[in-house]
Amino acid sequence: MSEQALYSSAVALLKQLIRTSSFSKEEDQTAAHIKNHLAQFGIIAEQLGNNIIAKNKFFDPAKPTVLLNSHHDTVKPNPNYTLDPFDPIEKDGKLFGLGSNDAGVPGVVDSYFYPFL
């Protein structure tokens, strides 16, 4: 997959996460999106509650482990938020929307880093 295709796919996933309500303890839908996204790379992931657990195909519990961890829940938007928090908007090279600058980006980065471990 080319660098541009990876970038476009990552932005599409982040936009999908922004569009999906994921308040604390209510992030089952975003968990499903992340699991489905990993499946596109042939990665089998398990959804345990609102958590996604995926292991590299070379995982061996007897060897040292690298854990990539993030969260995908959000807090309710501030009433003074000037944009629709669930409408991802790209402007001037930036992406706006609820969770876009919190763990949304690290979570998406983790999901793209994982297939290449």
Protein backbone atom coordinates (compact mmCIF):
# COMPACT_ATOMS: atom_id res chain seq x y z
CA MET A 1 0.00 0.00 0.00
CA SER A 2 1.44 3.39 -0.96
CA GLU A 3 2.12 6.13 1.56
CA GLN A 4 -0.73 8.22 0.10
CA ALA A 5 -3.14 5.28 0.30
CA LEU A 6 -2.16 4.67 3.94
CA TYR A 7 -2.65 8.36 4.72
CA SER A 8 -6.06 8.46 3.03
CA SER A 9 -7.18 5.29 4.79
CA ALA A 10 -6.00 6.62 8.18
CA VAL A 11 -7.88 9.90 7.69
CA ALA A 12 -10.99 7.97 6.62
CA LEU A 13 -10.83 5.87 9.80
CA LEU A 14 -10.35 8.94 11.99
CA LYS A 15 -13.32 10.62 10.31
CA GLN A 16 -15.42 7.50 10.91
CA LEU A 17 -14.42 7.56 14.58
CA ILE A 18 -15.34 11.26 14.84
CA ARG A 19 -18.78 10.60 13.30
CA THR A 20 -19.46 7.87 15.85
CA SER A 21 -20.53 8.82 19.36
CA SER A 22 -18.11 7.23 21.82
CA PHE A 23 -18.68 8.78 25.23
CA SER A 24 -16.97 6.99 28.11
CA LYS A 25 -18.36 3.49 28.64
CA GLU A 26 -20.35 3.85 25.38
CA GLU A 27 -17.61 3.22 22.84
CA ASP A 28 -18.73 -0.18 21.57
CA GLN A 29 -19.39 1.19 18.06
CA THR A 30 -15.94 2.76 17.71
CA ALA A 31 -14.42 -0.49 19.02
CA ALA A 32 -16.22 -2.34 16.23
CA HIS A 33 -14.91 0.17 13.65
CA ILE A 34 -11.33 -0.36 14.85
CA LYS A 35 -11.73 -4.14 14.84
CA ASN A 36 -13.13 -4.06 11.30
CA HIS A 37 -10.33 -1.76 10.21
CA LEU A 38 -7.68 -4.17 11.49
CA ALA A 39 -9.47 -7.01 9.70
CA GLN A 40 -8.86 -5.16 6.40
CA PHE A 41 -5.15 -5.81 6.99
CA GLY A 42 -5.80 -9.47 7.80
CA ILE A 43 -5.34 -8.90 11.53
CA ILE A 44 -7.58 -10.93 13.77
CA ALA A 45 -8.70 -8.82 16.70
CA GLU A 46 -10.86 -9.64 19.66
CA GLN A 47 -13.38 -7.22 21.11
CA LEU A 48 -13.50 -7.55 24.88
CA GLY A 49 -16.09 -5.10 26.16
CA ASN A 50 -15.10 -1.84 24.50
CA ASN A 51 -11.48 -2.89 24.15
CA ILE A 52 -9.76 -4.28 21.10
CA ILE A 53 -7.02 -6.84 21.57
CA ALA A 54 -4.91 -7.77 18.58
CA LYS A 55 -1.72 -9.79 18.55
CA ASN A 56 0.96 -9.87 15.91
CA LYS A 57 1.04 -13.13 13.96
CA PHE A 58 4.48 -13.80 15.48
CA PHE A 59 3.30 -13.26 19.07
CA ASP A 60 4.98 -15.57 21.54
CA PRO A 61 4.12 -15.17 25.24
CA ALA A 62 7.62 -16.42 26.12
CA LYS A 63 9.23 -13.41 24.39
CA PRO A 64 9.23 -9.72 25.39
CA THR A 65 6.08 -7.91 24.33
CA VAL A 66 5.47 -4.42 22.95
CA LEU A 67 2.07 -3.07 23.95
CA LEU A 68 0.42 -0.34 21.88
CA ASN A 69 -2.33 1.21 23.95
CA SER A 70 -4.75 4.06 23.43
CA HIS A 71 -8.31 4.96 24.24
CA HIS A 72 -11.12 5.80 21.86
CA ASP A 73 -13.75 7.23 24.16
CA THR A 74 -14.53 10.94 24.28
CA VAL A 75 -16.08 13.34 26.73
CA LYS A 76 -19.32 15.09 25.85
CA PRO A 77 -18.69 18.20 23.78
CA ASN A 78 -18.56 21.56 25.48
CA PRO A 79 -21.79 23.52 24.85
CA ASN A 80 -19.63 26.37 23.50
CA TYR A 81 -18.13 24.15 20.78
CA THR A 82 -18.54 26.23 17.61
CA LEU A 83 -18.64 23.32 15.12
CA ASP A 84 -20.70 20.15 14.92
CA PRO A 85 -18.48 17.86 17.01
CA PHE A 86 -19.56 14.78 15.03
CA ASP A 87 -18.90 16.28 11.59
CA PRO A 88 -15.24 15.82 10.68
CA ILE A 89 -14.07 18.88 8.79
CA GLU A 90 -10.72 19.24 7.03
CA LYS A 91 -9.52 22.83 6.86
CA ASP A 92 -6.03 24.23 6.24
CA GLY A 93 -4.48 20.78 6.57
CA LYS A 94 -6.15 20.11 9.91
CA LEU A 95 -9.00 17.81 10.88
CA PHE A 96 -11.61 19.13 13.30
CA GLY A 97 -14.10 17.04 15.25
CA LEU A 98 -14.64 15.49 18.67
CA GLY A 99 -11.63 13.33 19.57
CA SER A 100 -9.59 14.36 16.52
CA ASN A 101 -6.71 15.73 18.59
CA ASP A 102 -6.95 13.55 21.68
CA ALA A 103 -6.44 9.81 21.43
CA GLY A 104 -8.10 9.54 18.03
CA VAL A 105 -4.85 10.18 16.24
CA PRO A 106 -2.66 7.91 18.41
CA GLY A 107 -5.27 5.16 18.15
CA VAL A 108 -5.32 5.41 14.38
CA VAL A 109 -1.53 5.53 14.27
CA ASP A 110 -1.41 2.38 16.42
CA SER A 111 -3.75 0.59 14.05
CA TYR A 112 -1.51 1.50 11.10
CA PHE A 113 1.75 0.69 12.88
CA TYR A 114 0.55 -2.72 14.01
CA PRO A 115 0.47 -4.47 10.62
CA PHE A 116 4.12 -3.62 10.02
CA LEU A 117 5.53 -5.03 13.29
